[in-house]
Amino acid sequence: MDNPGFAPLPHEWMLVSIIGFFISVFSVYGLSKTWGITFAIFFTIMFVASVVSMTGTSTAEEEMVELAIHDPRVRRGEHRKPKNS
């Protein structure tokens, strides 16, 4: 696959940002308001980055064919042969 021009983030990134936000708001904020707000902003930025990363993916027809491994033509490599017009 070609370089898409962005680095897609793993799904754990979004999970950590959500959990971290709630921990910082409900737990850290009670101990220190400054650190609670700082961590909440940090995890919000992480969440926004993960959403932006998800929207940057492409669903080109050529890439979708590669995922269709159940298709016998894909297993034989016929989808890569040039079409005669």
C-alpha atoms as a PDB file:
ATOM      1  CA  MET A   1       0.000   0.000   0.000  1.00  0.00           C
ATOM      2  CA  ASP A   2       1.255   3.473  -0.832  1.00  0.00           C
ATOM      3  CA  ASN A   3       2.001   6.054   1.821  1.00  0.00           C
ATOM      4  CA  PRO A   4      -1.390   7.679   2.499  1.00  0.00           C
ATOM      5  CA  GLY A   5       0.168  10.928   3.764  1.00  0.00           C
ATOM      6  CA  PHE A   6      -0.907  10.489   7.367  1.00  0.00           C
ATOM      7  CA  ALA A   7      -0.219   8.142  10.242  1.00  0.00           C
ATOM      8  CA  PRO A   8      -3.393   6.325  11.273  1.00  0.00           C
ATOM      9  CA  LEU A   9      -3.554   5.901  15.034  1.00  0.00           C
ATOM     10  CA  PRO A  10      -4.438   2.574  16.647  1.00  0.00           C
ATOM     11  CA  HIS A  11      -7.826   2.126  18.309  1.00  0.00           C
ATOM     12  CA  GLU A  12      -6.183   1.949  21.733  1.00  0.00           C
ATOM     13  CA  TRP A  13      -5.295   5.627  21.338  1.00  0.00           C
ATOM     14  CA  MET A  14      -8.973   6.613  21.451  1.00  0.00           C
ATOM     15  CA  LEU A  15      -9.713   4.246  24.329  1.00  0.00           C
ATOM     16  CA  VAL A  16      -6.857   5.663  26.421  1.00  0.00           C
ATOM     17  CA  SER A  17      -7.974   9.224  25.673  1.00  0.00           C
ATOM     18  CA  ILE A  18     -11.551   8.531  26.837  1.00  0.00           C
ATOM     19  CA  ILE A  19     -10.516   6.675  29.992  1.00  0.00           C
ATOM     20  CA  GLY A  20      -7.804   9.225  30.764  1.00  0.00           C
ATOM     21  CA  PHE A  21     -10.246  12.101  30.388  1.00  0.00           C
ATOM     22  CA  PHE A  22     -12.713  10.589  32.853  1.00  0.00           C
ATOM     23  CA  ILE A  23      -9.987   9.717  35.350  1.00  0.00           C
ATOM     24  CA  SER A  24      -8.548  13.209  35.166  1.00  0.00           C
ATOM     25  CA  VAL A  25     -11.961  14.867  35.573  1.00  0.00           C
ATOM     26  CA  PHE A  26     -13.324  12.665  38.352  1.00  0.00           C
ATOM     27  CA  SER A  27     -10.167  11.743  40.251  1.00  0.00           C
ATOM     28  CA  VAL A  28      -7.231  14.056  39.542  1.00  0.00           C
ATOM     29  CA  TYR A  29      -9.351  17.226  39.505  1.00  0.00           C
ATOM     30  CA  GLY A  30     -10.372  16.542  43.113  1.00  0.00           C
ATOM     31  CA  LEU A  31      -6.728  16.380  44.194  1.00  0.00           C
ATOM     32  CA  SER A  32      -5.373  19.268  42.134  1.00  0.00           C
ATOM     33  CA  LYS A  33      -7.504  21.519  39.923  1.00  0.00           C
ATOM     34  CA  THR A  34      -4.530  22.625  37.828  1.00  0.00           C
ATOM     35  CA  TRP A  35      -3.399  19.069  37.026  1.00  0.00           C
ATOM     36  CA  GLY A  36      -6.981  17.902  36.507  1.00  0.00           C
ATOM     37  CA  ILE A  37      -7.641  20.577  33.905  1.00  0.00           C
ATOM     38  CA  THR A  38      -4.241  20.007  32.276  1.00  0.00           C
ATOM     39  CA  PHE A  39      -4.803  16.273  31.913  1.00  0.00           C
ATOM     40  CA  ALA A  40      -8.376  16.807  30.709  1.00  0.00           C
ATOM     41  CA  ILE A  41      -7.123  19.130  27.953  1.00  0.00           C
ATOM     42  CA  PHE A  42      -4.340  16.691  27.054  1.00  0.00           C
ATOM     43  CA  PHE A  43      -6.705  13.719  26.737  1.00  0.00           C
ATOM     44  CA  THR A  44      -9.195  15.837  24.784  1.00  0.00           C
ATOM     45  CA  ILE A  45      -6.451  16.649  22.276  1.00  0.00           C
ATOM     46  CA  MET A  46      -5.626  12.926  22.076  1.00  0.00           C
ATOM     47  CA  PHE A  47      -9.290  12.146  21.347  1.00  0.00           C
ATOM     48  CA  VAL A  48      -9.511  14.803  18.625  1.00  0.00           C
ATOM     49  CA  ALA A  49      -6.314  13.439  17.042  1.00  0.00           C
ATOM     50  CA  SER A  50      -7.753   9.930  16.949  1.00  0.00           C
ATOM     51  CA  VAL A  51     -10.973  11.148  15.313  1.00  0.00           C
ATOM     52  CA  VAL A  52      -9.023  13.145  12.714  1.00  0.00           C
ATOM     53  CA  SER A  53      -6.885  10.079  12.035  1.00  0.00           C
ATOM     54  CA  MET A  54      -9.988   7.964  11.397  1.00  0.00           C
ATOM     55  CA  THR A  55     -11.424  10.413   8.887  1.00  0.00           C
ATOM     56  CA  GLY A  56      -8.206  10.484   6.853  1.00  0.00           C
ATOM     57  CA  THR A  57      -8.445   6.872   5.689  1.00  0.00           C
ATOM     58  CA  SER A  58      -9.234   6.115   2.078  1.00  0.00           C
ATOM     59  CA  THR A  59     -11.546   3.390   0.847  1.00  0.00           C
ATOM     60  CA  ALA A  60     -10.300   3.129  -2.722  1.00  0.00           C
ATOM     61  CA  GLU A  61     -11.637   0.292  -4.835  1.00  0.00           C
ATOM     62  CA  GLU A  62      -8.167  -1.206  -5.296  1.00  0.00           C
ATOM     63  CA  GLU A  63      -7.595  -1.399  -1.560  1.00  0.00           C
ATOM     64  CA  MET A  64     -10.987  -2.972  -0.943  1.00  0.00           C
ATOM     65  CA  VAL A  65     -10.240  -5.729  -3.468  1.00  0.00           C
ATOM     66  CA  GLU A  66      -7.200  -6.727  -1.429  1.00  0.00           C
ATOM     67  CA  LEU A  67      -9.497  -7.328   1.538  1.00  0.00           C
ATOM     68  CA  ALA A  68     -11.760  -9.648  -0.443  1.00  0.00           C
ATOM     69  CA  ILE A  69      -9.541 -12.695   0.032  1.00  0.00           C
ATOM     70  CA  HIS A  70     -12.591 -14.969  -0.034  1.00  0.00           C
ATOM     71  CA  ASP A  71     -12.984 -14.141  -3.740  1.00  0.00           C
ATOM     72  CA  PRO A  72     -11.254 -16.853  -5.824  1.00  0.00           C
ATOM     73  CA  ARG A  73     -10.044 -14.251  -8.344  1.00  0.00           C
ATOM     74  CA  VAL A  74      -8.165 -12.457  -5.570  1.00  0.00           C
ATOM     75  CA  ARG A  75      -6.548 -15.677  -4.343  1.00  0.00           C
ATOM     76  CA  ARG A  76      -5.364 -16.510  -7.861  1.00  0.00           C
ATOM     77  CA  GLY A  77      -4.097 -12.956  -8.416  1.00  0.00           C
ATOM     78  CA  GLU A  78      -6.388 -12.293 -11.381  1.00  0.00           C
ATOM     79  CA  HIS A  79      -7.490  -8.932 -10.005  1.00  0.00           C
ATOM     80  CA  ARG A  80      -3.956  -7.610 -10.654  1.00  0.00           C
ATOM     81  CA  LYS A  81      -3.911  -8.527 -14.356  1.00  0.00           C
ATOM     82  CA  PRO A  82      -4.431  -5.593 -16.746  1.00  0.00           C
ATOM     83  CA  LYS A  83      -7.841  -5.458 -18.371  1.00  0.00           C
ATOM     84  CA  ASN A  84      -7.989  -5.747 -22.170  1.00  0.00           C
ATOM     85  CA  SER A  85     -10.154  -3.021 -23.656  1.00  0.00           C
END
